[in-house]
Full PDB file with SEQRES, HELIX, SHEET, SSBOND, CRYST1, ORIGX, SCALE, CONECT and MASTER records, all heavy atoms in Angstrom:
SEQRES   1 A   40  THR PRO ALA VAL LYS CYS PRO TYR SER ALA LYS VAL SER          
SEQRES   2 A   40  ALA PRO ARG GLU VAL THR VAL LEU MET SER ALA LEU ARG          
SEQRES   3 A   40  GLY GLY SER ASN PRO HIS ALA SER ASP SER ALA LYS LEU          
SEQRES   4 A   40  VAL                                                          
CRYST1    1.000    1.000    1.000  90.00  90.00  90.00 P 1           1          
ORIGX1      1.000000  0.000000  0.000000        0.00000                         
ORIGX2      0.000000  1.000000  0.000000        0.00000                         
ORIGX3      0.000000  0.000000  1.000000        0.00000                         
SCALE1      1.000000  0.000000  0.000000        0.00000                         
SCALE2      0.000000  1.000000  0.000000        0.00000                         
SCALE3      0.000000  0.000000  1.000000        0.00000                         
ATOM      1  N   THR A   1     -12.195  18.074   3.155  1.00  0.00           N  
ATOM      2  CA  THR A   1     -13.044  18.698   4.191  1.00  0.00           C  
ATOM      3  C   THR A   1     -13.565  17.587   5.090  1.00  0.00           C  
ATOM      4  O   THR A   1     -13.912  16.495   4.576  1.00  0.00           O  
ATOM      5  CB  THR A   1     -14.241  19.455   3.589  1.00  0.00           C  
ATOM      6  OG1 THR A   1     -15.153  19.798   4.641  1.00  0.00           O  
ATOM      7  CG2 THR A   1     -14.961  18.632   2.539  1.00  0.00           C  
ATOM      8  N   PRO A   2     -13.561  17.769   6.390  1.00  0.00           N  
ATOM      9  CA  PRO A   2     -14.082  16.705   7.277  1.00  0.00           C  
ATOM     10  C   PRO A   2     -15.556  16.463   7.120  1.00  0.00           C  
ATOM     11  O   PRO A   2     -16.055  15.492   7.690  1.00  0.00           O  
ATOM     12  CB  PRO A   2     -13.717  17.219   8.711  1.00  0.00           C  
ATOM     13  CG  PRO A   2     -13.534  18.717   8.508  1.00  0.00           C  
ATOM     14  CD  PRO A   2     -13.032  18.915   7.129  1.00  0.00           C  
ATOM     15  N   ALA A   3     -16.231  17.304   6.334  1.00  0.00           N  
ATOM     16  CA  ALA A   3     -17.656  17.050   6.064  1.00  0.00           C  
ATOM     17  C   ALA A   3     -17.820  15.841   5.173  1.00  0.00           C  
ATOM     18  O   ALA A   3     -18.931  15.255   5.143  1.00  0.00           O  
ATOM     19  CB  ALA A   3     -18.272  18.285   5.397  1.00  0.00           C  
ATOM     20  N   VAL A   4     -16.812  15.440   4.461  1.00  0.00           N  
ATOM     21  CA  VAL A   4     -16.869  14.302   3.523  1.00  0.00           C  
ATOM     22  C   VAL A   4     -16.134  13.143   4.170  1.00  0.00           C  
ATOM     23  O   VAL A   4     -14.948  13.233   4.493  1.00  0.00           O  
ATOM     24  CB  VAL A   4     -16.239  14.636   2.163  1.00  0.00           C  
ATOM     25  CG1 VAL A   4     -16.188  13.362   1.276  1.00  0.00           C  
ATOM     26  CG2 VAL A   4     -17.028  15.748   1.486  1.00  0.00           C  
ATOM     27  N   LYS A   5     -16.832  12.018   4.341  1.00  0.00           N  
ATOM     28  CA  LYS A   5     -16.243  10.814   4.891  1.00  0.00           C  
ATOM     29  C   LYS A   5     -16.494   9.657   3.942  1.00  0.00           C  
ATOM     30  O   LYS A   5     -17.633   9.470   3.486  1.00  0.00           O  
ATOM     31  CB  LYS A   5     -16.802  10.506   6.303  1.00  0.00           C  
ATOM     32  CG  LYS A   5     -16.582  11.626   7.310  1.00  0.00           C  
ATOM     33  CD  LYS A   5     -17.335  11.392   8.607  1.00  0.00           C  
ATOM     34  CE  LYS A   5     -16.650  10.428   9.510  1.00  0.00           C  
ATOM     35  NZ  LYS A   5     -17.291  10.393  10.837  1.00  0.00           N  
ATOM     36  N   CYS A   6     -15.478   8.893   3.629  1.00  0.00           N  
ATOM     37  CA  CYS A   6     -15.640   7.768   2.739  1.00  0.00           C  
ATOM     38  C   CYS A   6     -14.616   6.714   3.025  1.00  0.00           C  
ATOM     39  O   CYS A   6     -13.538   6.977   3.632  1.00  0.00           O  
ATOM     40  CB  CYS A   6     -15.538   8.218   1.275  1.00  0.00           C  
ATOM     41  SG  CYS A   6     -13.920   8.800   0.771  1.00  0.00           S  
ATOM     42  N   PRO A   7     -14.849   5.461   2.626  1.00  0.00           N  
ATOM     43  CA  PRO A   7     -13.848   4.409   2.785  1.00  0.00           C  
ATOM     44  C   PRO A   7     -12.758   4.600   1.747  1.00  0.00           C  
ATOM     45  O   PRO A   7     -12.911   5.356   0.772  1.00  0.00           O  
ATOM     46  CB  PRO A   7     -14.656   3.099   2.544  1.00  0.00           C  
ATOM     47  CG  PRO A   7     -15.928   3.516   1.931  1.00  0.00           C  
ATOM     48  CD  PRO A   7     -16.119   4.950   2.120  1.00  0.00           C  
ATOM     49  N   TYR A   8     -11.622   3.911   1.967  1.00  0.00           N  
ATOM     50  CA  TYR A   8     -10.576   3.950   0.937  1.00  0.00           C  
ATOM     51  C   TYR A   8      -9.826   2.619   0.912  1.00  0.00           C  
ATOM     52  O   TYR A   8      -9.838   1.846   1.866  1.00  0.00           O  
ATOM     53  CB  TYR A   8      -9.613   5.126   1.162  1.00  0.00           C  
ATOM     54  CG  TYR A   8      -8.504   4.919   2.170  1.00  0.00           C  
ATOM     55  CD1 TYR A   8      -7.269   4.431   1.793  1.00  0.00           C  
ATOM     56  CD2 TYR A   8      -8.678   5.236   3.517  1.00  0.00           C  
ATOM     57  CE1 TYR A   8      -6.232   4.280   2.688  1.00  0.00           C  
ATOM     58  CE2 TYR A   8      -7.646   5.108   4.451  1.00  0.00           C  
ATOM     59  CZ  TYR A   8      -6.425   4.635   4.005  1.00  0.00           C  
ATOM     60  OH  TYR A   8      -5.395   4.463   4.939  1.00  0.00           O  
ATOM     61  N   SER A   9      -9.202   2.374  -0.239  1.00  0.00           N  
ATOM     62  CA  SER A   9      -8.318   1.231  -0.400  1.00  0.00           C  
ATOM     63  C   SER A   9      -7.032   1.728  -1.039  1.00  0.00           C  
ATOM     64  O   SER A   9      -7.012   2.822  -1.614  1.00  0.00           O  
ATOM     65  CB  SER A   9      -8.931   0.140  -1.243  1.00  0.00           C  
ATOM     66  OG  SER A   9      -9.003   0.513  -2.606  1.00  0.00           O  
ATOM     67  N   ALA A  10      -5.943   0.967  -0.952  1.00  0.00           N  
ATOM     68  CA  ALA A  10      -4.704   1.400  -1.534  1.00  0.00           C  
ATOM     69  C   ALA A  10      -3.844   0.229  -1.936  1.00  0.00           C  
ATOM     70  O   ALA A  10      -3.825  -0.825  -1.247  1.00  0.00           O  
ATOM     71  CB  ALA A  10      -3.934   2.291  -0.558  1.00  0.00           C  
ATOM     72  N   LYS A  11      -3.129   0.390  -3.036  1.00  0.00           N  
ATOM     73  CA  LYS A  11      -2.039  -0.490  -3.452  1.00  0.00           C  
ATOM     74  C   LYS A  11      -0.822   0.379  -3.545  1.00  0.00           C  
ATOM     75  O   LYS A  11      -0.761   1.354  -4.318  1.00  0.00           O  
ATOM     76  CB  LYS A  11      -2.334  -1.161  -4.826  1.00  0.00           C  
ATOM     77  CG  LYS A  11      -3.565  -2.038  -4.832  1.00  0.00           C  
ATOM     78  CD  LYS A  11      -3.821  -2.583  -6.212  1.00  0.00           C  
ATOM     79  CE  LYS A  11      -5.069  -3.438  -6.250  1.00  0.00           C  
ATOM     80  NZ  LYS A  11      -5.373  -3.912  -7.632  1.00  0.00           N  
ATOM     81  N   VAL A  12       0.188   0.097  -2.705  1.00  0.00           N  
ATOM     82  CA  VAL A  12       1.348   1.003  -2.591  1.00  0.00           C  
ATOM     83  C   VAL A  12       2.589   0.173  -2.880  1.00  0.00           C  
ATOM     84  O   VAL A  12       2.911  -0.804  -2.165  1.00  0.00           O  
ATOM     85  CB  VAL A  12       1.441   1.606  -1.186  1.00  0.00           C  
ATOM     86  CG1 VAL A  12       2.639   2.533  -1.110  1.00  0.00           C  
ATOM     87  CG2 VAL A  12       0.157   2.366  -0.863  1.00  0.00           C  
ATOM     88  N   SER A  13       3.333   0.587  -3.910  1.00  0.00           N  
ATOM     89  CA  SER A  13       4.608  -0.074  -4.189  1.00  0.00           C  
ATOM     90  C   SER A  13       5.746   0.674  -3.558  1.00  0.00           C  
ATOM     91  O   SER A  13       5.770   1.933  -3.545  1.00  0.00           O  
ATOM     92  CB  SER A  13       4.818  -0.187  -5.723  1.00  0.00           C  
ATOM     93  OG  SER A  13       4.903   1.090  -6.342  1.00  0.00           O  
ATOM     94  N   ALA A  14       6.728  -0.079  -3.051  1.00  0.00           N  
ATOM     95  CA  ALA A  14       7.852   0.510  -2.328  1.00  0.00           C  
ATOM     96  C   ALA A  14       9.015  -0.467  -2.351  1.00  0.00           C  
ATOM     97  O   ALA A  14       8.825  -1.654  -2.606  1.00  0.00           O  
ATOM     98  CB  ALA A  14       7.469   0.798  -0.873  1.00  0.00           C  
ATOM     99  N   PRO A  15      10.232   0.013  -2.123  1.00  0.00           N  
ATOM    100  CA  PRO A  15      11.414  -0.897  -2.047  1.00  0.00           C  
ATOM    101  C   PRO A  15      11.180  -2.007  -1.056  1.00  0.00           C  
ATOM    102  O   PRO A  15      10.570  -1.831   0.002  1.00  0.00           O  
ATOM    103  CB  PRO A  15      12.538   0.011  -1.646  1.00  0.00           C  
ATOM    104  CG  PRO A  15      12.113   1.381  -2.061  1.00  0.00           C  
ATOM    105  CD  PRO A  15      10.640   1.426  -1.900  1.00  0.00           C  
ATOM    106  N   ARG A  16      11.669  -3.209  -1.377  1.00  0.00           N  
ATOM    107  CA  ARG A  16      11.479  -4.381  -0.536  1.00  0.00           C  
ATOM    108  C   ARG A  16      12.046  -4.170   0.883  1.00  0.00           C  
ATOM    109  O   ARG A  16      11.594  -4.765   1.848  1.00  0.00           O  
ATOM    110  CB  ARG A  16      12.196  -5.568  -1.148  1.00  0.00           C  
ATOM    111  CG  ARG A  16      11.451  -6.182  -2.353  1.00  0.00           C  
ATOM    112  CD  ARG A  16      12.217  -7.351  -2.926  1.00  0.00           C  
ATOM    113  NE  ARG A  16      11.449  -8.000  -3.992  1.00  0.00           N  
ATOM    114  CZ  ARG A  16      10.630  -9.036  -3.806  1.00  0.00           C  
ATOM    115  NH1 ARG A  16      10.419  -9.530  -2.606  1.00  0.00           N  
ATOM    116  NH2 ARG A  16       9.991  -9.570  -4.832  1.00  0.00           N  
ATOM    117  N   GLU A  17      13.059  -3.296   1.006  1.00  0.00           N  
ATOM    118  CA  GLU A  17      13.726  -3.139   2.321  1.00  0.00           C  
ATOM    119  C   GLU A  17      12.909  -2.390   3.331  1.00  0.00           C  
ATOM    120  O   GLU A  17      13.287  -2.356   4.505  1.00  0.00           O  
ATOM    121  CB  GLU A  17      15.053  -2.404   2.089  1.00  0.00           C  
ATOM    122  CG  GLU A  17      16.086  -3.197   1.294  1.00  0.00           C  
ATOM    123  CD  GLU A  17      15.825  -3.152  -0.238  1.00  0.00           C  
ATOM    124  OE1 GLU A  17      14.998  -2.299  -0.638  1.00  0.00           O  
ATOM    125  OE2 GLU A  17      16.460  -3.908  -0.957  1.00  0.00           O  
ATOM    126  N   VAL A  18      11.820  -1.722   2.910  1.00  0.00           N  
ATOM    127  CA  VAL A  18      11.044  -0.940   3.864  1.00  0.00           C  
ATOM    128  C   VAL A  18       9.681  -1.580   4.093  1.00  0.00           C  
ATOM    129  O   VAL A  18       9.149  -2.283   3.233  1.00  0.00           O  
ATOM    130  CB  VAL A  18      10.844   0.537   3.393  1.00  0.00           C  
ATOM    131  CG1 VAL A  18      12.201   1.190   3.172  1.00  0.00           C  
ATOM    132  CG2 VAL A  18       9.969   0.612   2.153  1.00  0.00           C  
ATOM    133  N   THR A  19       9.127  -1.328   5.262  1.00  0.00           N  
ATOM    134  CA  THR A  19       7.753  -1.770   5.617  1.00  0.00           C  
ATOM    135  C   THR A  19       6.837  -0.570   5.392  1.00  0.00           C  
ATOM    136  O   THR A  19       7.129   0.555   5.750  1.00  0.00           O  
ATOM    137  CB  THR A  19       7.693  -2.212   7.052  1.00  0.00           C  
ATOM    138  OG1 THR A  19       8.563  -3.387   7.216  1.00  0.00           O  
ATOM    139  CG2 THR A  19       6.299  -2.606   7.470  1.00  0.00           C  
ATOM    140  N   VAL A  20       5.676  -0.847   4.810  1.00  0.00           N  
ATOM    141  CA  VAL A  20       4.663   0.209   4.547  1.00  0.00           C  
ATOM    142  C   VAL A  20       3.427  -0.089   5.390  1.00  0.00           C  
ATOM    143  O   VAL A  20       2.962  -1.228   5.459  1.00  0.00           O  
ATOM    144  CB  VAL A  20       4.282   0.250   3.063  1.00  0.00           C  
ATOM    145  CG1 VAL A  20       3.231   1.337   2.796  1.00  0.00           C  
ATOM    146  CG2 VAL A  20       5.483   0.474   2.175  1.00  0.00           C  
ATOM    147  N   LEU A  21       2.941   0.940   6.067  1.00  0.00           N  
ATOM    148  CA  LEU A  21       1.703   0.869   6.840  1.00  0.00           C  
ATOM    149  C   LEU A  21       0.803   2.040   6.456  1.00  0.00           C  
ATOM    150  O   LEU A  21       1.293   3.078   5.998  1.00  0.00           O  
ATOM    151  CB  LEU A  21       2.010   0.946   8.324  1.00  0.00           C  
ATOM    152  CG  LEU A  21       2.953  -0.109   8.929  1.00  0.00           C  
ATOM    153  CD1 LEU A  21       3.247   0.236  10.412  1.00  0.00           C  
ATOM    154  CD2 LEU A  21       2.360  -1.488   8.807  1.00  0.00           C  
ATOM    155  N   MET A  22      -0.485   1.861   6.628  1.00  0.00           N  
ATOM    156  CA  MET A  22      -1.435   2.927   6.404  1.00  0.00           C  
ATOM    157  C   MET A  22      -2.511   2.925   7.494  1.00  0.00           C  
ATOM    158  O   MET A  22      -2.550   2.034   8.339  1.00  0.00           O  
ATOM    159  CB  MET A  22      -2.098   2.825   5.025  1.00  0.00           C  
ATOM    160  CG  MET A  22      -1.115   3.011   3.865  1.00  0.00           C  
ATOM    161  SD  MET A  22      -1.939   3.218   2.261  1.00  0.00           S  
ATOM    162  CE  MET A  22      -2.578   4.913   2.386  1.00  0.00           C  
ATOM    163  N   SER A  23      -3.339   3.951   7.496  1.00  0.00           N  
ATOM    164  CA  SER A  23      -4.454   4.029   8.452  1.00  0.00           C  
ATOM    165  C   SER A  23      -5.614   3.137   7.991  1.00  0.00           C  
ATOM    166  O   SER A  23      -6.727   3.596   7.770  1.00  0.00           O  
ATOM    167  CB  SER A  23      -4.907   5.468   8.604  1.00  0.00           C  
ATOM    168  OG  SER A  23      -5.251   6.027   7.313  1.00  0.00           O  
ATOM    169  N   ALA A  24      -5.302   1.874   7.821  1.00  0.00           N  
ATOM    170  CA  ALA A  24      -6.235   0.889   7.245  1.00  0.00           C  
ATOM    171  C   ALA A  24      -5.753  -0.461   7.632  1.00  0.00           C  
ATOM    172  O   ALA A  24      -4.624  -0.663   8.127  1.00  0.00           O  
ATOM    173  CB  ALA A  24      -6.316   1.074   5.754  1.00  0.00           C  
ATOM    174  N   LEU A  25      -6.593  -1.488   7.417  1.00  0.00           N  
ATOM    175  CA  LEU A  25      -6.217  -2.884   7.673  1.00  0.00           C  
ATOM    176  C   LEU A  25      -5.275  -3.339   6.594  1.00  0.00           C  
ATOM    177  O   LEU A  25      -5.426  -3.061   5.429  1.00  0.00           O  
ATOM    178  CB  LEU A  25      -7.440  -3.741   7.757  1.00  0.00           C  
ATOM    179  CG  LEU A  25      -8.398  -3.413   8.899  1.00  0.00           C  
ATOM    180  CD1 LEU A  25      -9.635  -4.328   8.835  1.00  0.00           C  
ATOM    181  CD2 LEU A  25      -7.713  -3.523  10.259  1.00  0.00           C  
ATOM    182  N   ARG A  26      -4.245  -4.088   7.021  1.00  0.00           N  
ATOM    183  CA  ARG A  26      -3.254  -4.598   6.052  1.00  0.00           C  
ATOM    184  C   ARG A  26      -3.782  -5.827   5.354  1.00  0.00           C  
ATOM    185  O   ARG A  26      -4.405  -6.686   5.968  1.00  0.00           O  
ATOM    186  CB  ARG A  26      -1.943  -4.965   6.788  1.00  0.00           C  
ATOM    187  CG  ARG A  26      -1.355  -3.809   7.539  1.00  0.00           C  
ATOM    188  CD  ARG A  26      -0.228  -4.275   8.463  1.00  0.00           C  
ATOM    189  NE  ARG A  26       0.977  -4.571   7.707  1.00  0.00           N  
ATOM    190  CZ  ARG A  26       1.950  -5.400   8.084  1.00  0.00           C  
ATOM    191  NH1 ARG A  26       1.788  -6.017   9.250  1.00  0.00           N  
ATOM    192  NH2 ARG A  26       3.009  -5.565   7.351  1.00  0.00           N  
ATOM    193  N   GLY A  27      -3.536  -5.916   4.061  1.00  0.00           N  
ATOM    194  CA  GLY A  27      -4.009  -7.042   3.261  1.00  0.00           C  
ATOM    195  C   GLY A  27      -2.868  -7.848   2.646  1.00  0.00           C  
ATOM    196  O   GLY A  27      -3.043  -8.573   1.697  1.00  0.00           O  
ATOM    197  N   GLY A  28      -1.655  -7.700   3.191  1.00  0.00           N  
ATOM    198  CA  GLY A  28      -0.539  -8.462   2.659  1.00  0.00           C  
ATOM    199  C   GLY A  28       0.234  -7.698   1.576  1.00  0.00           C  
ATOM    200  O   GLY A  28      -0.061  -6.519   1.320  1.00  0.00           O  
ATOM    201  N   SER A  29       1.179  -8.370   0.981  1.00  0.00           N  
ATOM    202  CA  SER A  29       2.010  -7.747  -0.067  1.00  0.00           C  
ATOM    203  C   SER A  29       2.308  -8.753  -1.141  1.00  0.00           C  
ATOM    204  O   SER A  29       2.323  -9.968  -0.930  1.00  0.00           O  
ATOM    205  CB  SER A  29       3.276  -7.182   0.517  1.00  0.00           C  
ATOM    206  OG  SER A  29       4.051  -8.177   1.144  1.00  0.00           O  
ATOM    207  N   ASN A  30       2.566  -8.230  -2.387  1.00  0.00           N  
ATOM    208  CA  ASN A  30       2.827  -9.075  -3.514  1.00  0.00           C  
ATOM    209  C   ASN A  30       4.050  -8.536  -4.272  1.00  0.00           C  
ATOM    210  O   ASN A  30       4.350  -7.338  -4.186  1.00  0.00           O  
ATOM    211  CB  ASN A  30       1.632  -9.061  -4.481  1.00  0.00           C  
ATOM    212  CG  ASN A  30       0.350  -9.548  -3.807  1.00  0.00           C  
ATOM    213  OD1 ASN A  30       0.337 -10.630  -3.223  1.00  0.00           O  
ATOM    214  ND2 ASN A  30      -0.708  -8.771  -3.895  1.00  0.00           N  
ATOM    215  N   PRO A  31       4.727  -9.398  -5.040  1.00  0.00           N  
ATOM    216  CA  PRO A  31       5.829  -8.899  -5.866  1.00  0.00           C  
ATOM    217  C   PRO A  31       5.323  -7.871  -6.888  1.00  0.00           C  
ATOM    218  O   PRO A  31       4.198  -8.015  -7.428  1.00  0.00           O  
ATOM    219  CB  PRO A  31       6.342 -10.154  -6.555  1.00  0.00           C  
ATOM    220  CG  PRO A  31       5.885 -11.293  -5.706  1.00  0.00           C  
ATOM    221  CD  PRO A  31       4.574 -10.851  -5.116  1.00  0.00           C  
ATOM    222  N   HIS A  32       6.129  -6.869  -7.146  1.00  0.00           N  
ATOM    223  CA  HIS A  32       5.768  -5.880  -8.174  1.00  0.00           C  
ATOM    224  C   HIS A  32       5.824  -6.548  -9.559  1.00  0.00           C  
ATOM    225  O   HIS A  32       6.714  -7.348  -9.845  1.00  0.00           O  
ATOM    226  CB  HIS A  32       6.747  -4.729  -8.106  1.00  0.00           C  
ATOM    227  CG  HIS A  32       6.281  -3.503  -8.856  1.00  0.00           C  
ATOM    228  ND1 HIS A  32       6.386  -3.409 -10.218  1.00  0.00           N  
ATOM    229  CD2 HIS A  32       5.761  -2.316  -8.437  1.00  0.00           C  
ATOM    230  CE1 HIS A  32       5.960  -2.220 -10.631  1.00  0.00           C  
ATOM    231  NE2 HIS A  32       5.524  -1.543  -9.539  1.00  0.00           N  
ATOM    232  N   ALA A  33       4.863  -6.225 -10.428  1.00  0.00           N  
ATOM    233  CA  ALA A  33       4.739  -6.857 -11.726  1.00  0.00           C  
ATOM    234  C   ALA A  33       5.965  -6.648 -12.603  1.00  0.00           C  
ATOM    235  O   ALA A  33       6.338  -7.494 -13.417  1.00  0.00           O  
ATOM    236  CB  ALA A  33       3.478  -6.389 -12.411  1.00  0.00           C  
ATOM    237  N   SER A  34       6.606  -5.463 -12.490  1.00  0.00           N  
ATOM    238  CA  SER A  34       7.687  -5.114 -13.415  1.00  0.00           C  
ATOM    239  C   SER A  34       8.997  -4.708 -12.747  1.00  0.00           C  
ATOM    240  O   SER A  34       9.955  -4.441 -13.446  1.00  0.00           O  
ATOM    241  CB  SER A  34       7.237  -3.983 -14.366  1.00  0.00           C  
ATOM    242  OG  SER A  34       6.871  -2.840 -13.594  1.00  0.00           O  
ATOM    243  N   ASP A  35       9.015  -4.706 -11.413  1.00  0.00           N  
ATOM    244  CA  ASP A  35      10.220  -4.249 -10.716  1.00  0.00           C  
ATOM    245  C   ASP A  35      10.458  -5.195  -9.531  1.00  0.00           C  
ATOM    246  O   ASP A  35       9.818  -5.102  -8.491  1.00  0.00           O  
ATOM    247  CB  ASP A  35      10.051  -2.818 -10.192  1.00  0.00           C  
ATOM    248  CG  ASP A  35      11.351  -2.219  -9.668  1.00  0.00           C  
ATOM    249  OD1 ASP A  35      12.281  -2.974  -9.373  1.00  0.00           O  
ATOM    250  OD2 ASP A  35      11.412  -0.979  -9.520  1.00  0.00           O  
ATOM    251  N   SER A  36      11.450  -6.086  -9.727  1.00  0.00           N  
ATOM    252  CA  SER A  36      11.704  -7.094  -8.685  1.00  0.00           C  
ATOM    253  C   SER A  36      12.246  -6.526  -7.391  1.00  0.00           C  
ATOM    254  O   SER A  36      12.290  -7.205  -6.352  1.00  0.00           O  
ATOM    255  CB  SER A  36      12.707  -8.130  -9.228  1.00  0.00           C  
ATOM    256  OG  SER A  36      13.931  -7.522  -9.569  1.00  0.00           O  
ATOM    257  N   ALA A  37      12.682  -5.255  -7.427  1.00  0.00           N  
ATOM    258  CA  ALA A  37      13.225  -4.611  -6.211  1.00  0.00           C  
ATOM    259  C   ALA A  37      12.116  -4.064  -5.338  1.00  0.00           C  
ATOM    260  O   ALA A  37      12.398  -3.511  -4.263  1.00  0.00           O  
ATOM    261  CB  ALA A  37      14.168  -3.469  -6.602  1.00  0.00           C  
ATOM    262  N   LYS A  38      10.846  -4.208  -5.775  1.00  0.00           N  
ATOM    263  CA  LYS A  38       9.749  -3.617  -5.005  1.00  0.00           C  
ATOM    264  C   LYS A  38       8.666  -4.617  -4.660  1.00  0.00           C  
ATOM    265  O   LYS A  38       8.545  -5.684  -5.314  1.00  0.00           O  
ATOM    266  CB  LYS A  38       9.102  -2.468  -5.841  1.00  0.00           C  
ATOM    267  CG  LYS A  38       9.980  -1.257  -6.009  1.00  0.00           C  
ATOM    268  CD  LYS A  38       9.270  -0.098  -6.684  1.00  0.00           C  
ATOM    269  CE  LYS A  38      10.111   1.160  -6.686  1.00  0.00           C  
ATOM    270  NZ  LYS A  38       9.403   2.300  -7.300  1.00  0.00           N  
ATOM    271  N   LEU A  39       7.934  -4.313  -3.629  1.00  0.00           N  
ATOM    272  CA  LEU A  39       6.704  -5.034  -3.266  1.00  0.00           C  
ATOM    273  C   LEU A  39       5.517  -4.113  -3.369  1.00  0.00           C  
ATOM    274  O   LEU A  39       5.669  -2.901  -3.204  1.00  0.00           O  
ATOM    275  CB  LEU A  39       6.821  -5.589  -1.858  1.00  0.00           C  
ATOM    276  CG  LEU A  39       7.852  -6.706  -1.582  1.00  0.00           C  
ATOM    277  CD1 LEU A  39       7.854  -7.030  -0.086  1.00  0.00           C  
ATOM    278  CD2 LEU A  39       7.528  -7.963  -2.384  1.00  0.00           C  
ATOM    279  N   VAL A  40       4.353  -4.684  -3.602  1.00  0.00           N  
ATOM    280  CA  VAL A  40       3.109  -3.909  -3.620  1.00  0.00           C  
ATOM    281  C   VAL A  40       2.308  -4.295  -2.376  1.00  0.00           C  
ATOM    282  O   VAL A  40       1.985  -5.471  -2.187  1.00  0.00           O  
ATOM    283  CB  VAL A  40       2.278  -4.209  -4.888  1.00  0.00           C  
ATOM    284  CG1 VAL A  40       0.988  -3.403  -4.851  1.00  0.00           C  
ATOM    285  CG2 VAL A  40       3.040  -3.849  -6.145  1.00  0.00           C  
TER     286      VAL A  40                                                      
MASTER        0    0    0    0    0    0    0    6  285    1    0    4          
END                                                                             
C-alpha cells in the first residue's frame, strides 16, 4: 500500500553475463560464495 513507505536494501545474485540494476544506489558486486557463474 502506498500508505507504507520504508527504505530497502538488496543482495541480488545473477549470471555474470547480465547487469543488474534496482531503484536504489548501486553498491558494487561480489563473487557468489558457492556459484562461480554468478555475481552478487
